[in-house]
Protein backbone atom coordinates (compact mmCIF):
# COMPACT_ATOMS: atom_id res chain seq x y z
CA MET A 1 -1.50 16.13 6.06
CA LYS A 2 -0.36 14.46 2.85
CA ILE A 3 -0.53 10.68 2.35
CA LEU A 4 0.90 8.60 -0.47
CA VAL A 5 -0.88 5.33 -1.25
CA LEU A 6 1.34 2.96 -3.21
CA ASN A 7 0.25 -0.25 -4.88
CA GLY A 8 2.64 -2.75 -6.37
CA PRO A 9 2.50 -5.28 -9.17
CA ASN A 10 -0.77 -6.65 -10.50
CA LEU A 11 -2.95 -4.43 -8.32
CA ASN A 12 -3.92 -2.60 -11.51
CA MET A 13 -5.63 -5.89 -12.40
CA LEU A 14 -8.08 -5.80 -9.49
CA GLY A 15 -11.51 -6.98 -10.60
CA ILE A 16 -9.89 -9.30 -13.14
CA ARG A 17 -7.19 -11.06 -11.13
CA GLU A 18 -8.43 -13.92 -8.93
CA PRO A 19 -11.74 -12.33 -7.92
CA ASP A 20 -12.30 -15.15 -5.43
CA ILE A 21 -9.34 -13.75 -3.47
CA TYR A 22 -9.33 -10.03 -4.33
CA GLY A 23 -12.99 -9.36 -5.11
CA SER A 24 -14.66 -7.94 -8.18
CA ASN A 25 -14.01 -4.24 -7.55
CA THR A 26 -11.43 -2.57 -9.77
CA TYR A 27 -8.33 -0.51 -9.05
CA ALA A 28 -10.32 2.58 -10.13
CA ASP A 29 -12.93 1.67 -7.51
CA LEU A 30 -10.20 1.47 -4.88
CA VAL A 31 -8.73 4.84 -5.80
CA LYS A 32 -12.16 6.47 -5.79
CA MET A 33 -12.94 5.07 -2.33
CA ILE A 34 -9.60 6.29 -0.96
CA GLU A 35 -9.94 9.75 -2.50
CA GLU A 36 -13.50 10.18 -1.21
CA HIS A 37 -12.49 9.11 2.31
CA CYS A 38 -9.50 11.43 2.37
CA ALA A 39 -11.58 14.35 1.09
CA SER A 40 -14.09 13.73 3.88
CA ILE A 41 -11.38 13.93 6.57
CA GLY A 42 -9.37 16.76 5.01
CA VAL A 43 -6.33 14.72 3.98
CA ASP A 44 -4.41 15.32 0.77
CA VAL A 45 -3.84 11.94 -0.90
CA GLU A 46 -2.06 10.69 -3.97
CA CYS A 47 -2.53 7.11 -5.21
CA LYS A 48 0.10 5.49 -7.40
CA GLN A 49 0.57 2.00 -8.78
CA SER A 50 3.46 0.38 -10.59
CA ASN A 51 4.44 -3.09 -11.68
CA SER A 52 8.08 -2.00 -11.50
CA GLU A 53 10.10 -2.27 -8.29
CA GLY A 54 12.39 0.60 -9.27
CA THR A 55 9.48 2.92 -9.95
CA LEU A 56 8.02 2.13 -6.52
CA VAL A 57 11.42 2.96 -4.94
CA ASP A 58 11.43 6.24 -6.89
CA TYR A 59 7.93 7.07 -5.60
CA ILE A 60 9.02 6.41 -2.01
CA GLN A 61 12.12 8.56 -2.36
CA GLN A 62 10.18 11.39 -4.02
CA ALA A 63 7.69 11.32 -1.14
CA TYR A 64 10.47 12.62 1.12
CA PHE A 65 11.01 15.68 -1.09
CA ASP A 66 7.26 16.22 -1.55
CA GLY A 67 6.62 16.51 2.19
CA VAL A 68 4.52 13.37 2.48
CA SER A 69 3.46 12.70 6.08
CA GLY A 70 2.56 9.03 5.73
CA ILE A 71 2.71 6.14 3.29
CA VAL A 72 0.20 3.35 2.84
CA ILE A 73 1.77 0.58 0.79
CA ASN A 74 0.52 -2.66 -0.69
CA PRO A 75 3.74 -3.95 -2.24
CA GLY A 76 1.99 -6.88 -3.90
CA ALA A 77 4.44 -9.67 -4.72
CA TYR A 78 7.36 -7.37 -3.80
CA THR A 79 6.26 -7.84 -0.20
CA HIS A 80 8.08 -11.16 -0.17
CA THR A 81 11.13 -10.25 -2.25
CA SER A 82 12.07 -6.58 -2.09
CA VAL A 83 14.80 -5.46 0.23
CA ALA A 84 14.93 -2.39 -2.06
CA LEU A 85 11.47 -1.26 -0.92
CA LEU A 86 12.43 -1.83 2.71
CA ASP A 87 15.63 0.17 2.29
CA ALA A 88 13.79 3.02 0.55
CA LEU A 89 11.23 3.23 3.36
CA LYS A 90 13.98 3.21 5.98
CA ALA A 91 15.89 5.91 4.06
CA VAL A 92 12.99 8.37 4.01
CA SER A 93 11.75 7.61 7.56
CA ILE A 94 8.14 8.40 6.69
CA PRO A 95 5.54 6.63 8.88
CA THR A 96 4.24 3.67 6.87
CA VAL A 97 1.39 1.17 7.11
CA GLU A 98 1.48 -2.02 5.04
CA VAL A 99 -1.82 -3.24 3.59
CA HIS A 100 -2.86 -6.49 1.94
CA ILE A 101 -6.32 -7.10 0.56
CA SER A 102 -6.16 -10.83 1.25
CA GLN A 103 -5.16 -12.70 4.40
CA VAL A 104 -1.65 -13.40 3.12
CA ASP A 105 -0.55 -15.31 6.20
CA GLU A 106 -3.15 -17.98 5.35
CA ARG A 107 -1.95 -18.41 1.77
CA GLU A 108 1.10 -20.07 0.23
CA PRO A 109 4.17 -20.49 2.46
CA PHE A 110 6.30 -18.13 0.35
CA ARG A 111 3.88 -15.32 1.21
CA GLN A 112 4.72 -15.58 4.91
CA ILE A 113 7.69 -13.22 4.67
CA SER A 114 7.22 -9.46 4.40
CA TYR A 115 10.32 -7.32 4.11
CA VAL A 116 8.20 -4.15 4.33
CA SER A 117 6.91 -5.25 7.74
CA TYR A 118 10.41 -4.76 9.15
CA TYR A 119 9.76 -1.01 8.80
CA ALA A 120 5.99 -0.52 8.76
CA SER A 121 4.42 0.48 12.06
CA LYS A 122 1.39 -1.67 11.32
CA THR A 123 0.30 -4.37 8.87
CA ILE A 124 -3.36 -4.71 7.92
CA MET A 125 -4.43 -7.79 5.99
CA GLY A 126 -7.53 -9.63 4.98
CA LYS A 127 -9.89 -6.66 5.21
CA GLY A 128 -10.28 -6.04 1.49
CA PHE A 129 -10.36 -2.43 0.35
CA SER A 130 -11.41 -1.24 3.81
CA GLY A 131 -7.90 -2.07 5.02
CA TYR A 132 -6.67 0.99 3.13
CA ILE A 133 -9.11 3.21 5.02
CA GLU A 134 -7.99 1.71 8.32
CA ALA A 135 -4.37 2.37 7.34
CA ILE A 136 -5.07 6.00 6.43
CA ASP A 137 -6.96 6.56 9.67
CA HIS A 138 -4.08 5.00 11.61
CA LEU A 139 -1.66 7.50 10.06
CA VAL A 140 -3.96 10.47 10.65
CA VAL A 141 -4.34 9.86 14.39
């Protein structure tokens, strides 16, 4: 099984950006945790991050041609604005789980809308980095 883990804008700033919300661990820490977990369960994983919406769409489309079995996506701020990400996910029809480190439904009102959730089979929020592991395990089952 091959899983693509996508992270959107500002997630490269983990450990620096609002540590009271996102914690003090870095993006490198997140990738290491994901890679170690996937190695332990025999899953091939690739982690990618971009601050660019178009690049994230390209990654989703390429996943189709690369034989990816599942996508874990934290679209960051594009969660609330990107019909393009939704359309890309629908186009490739790859099982997808949406992840958010924080409890976004308890934050600002504009964060209440998730376009990705219209496609994702599950949304995991407020569980910090462990939400990614839960998402991967959900796809593996």
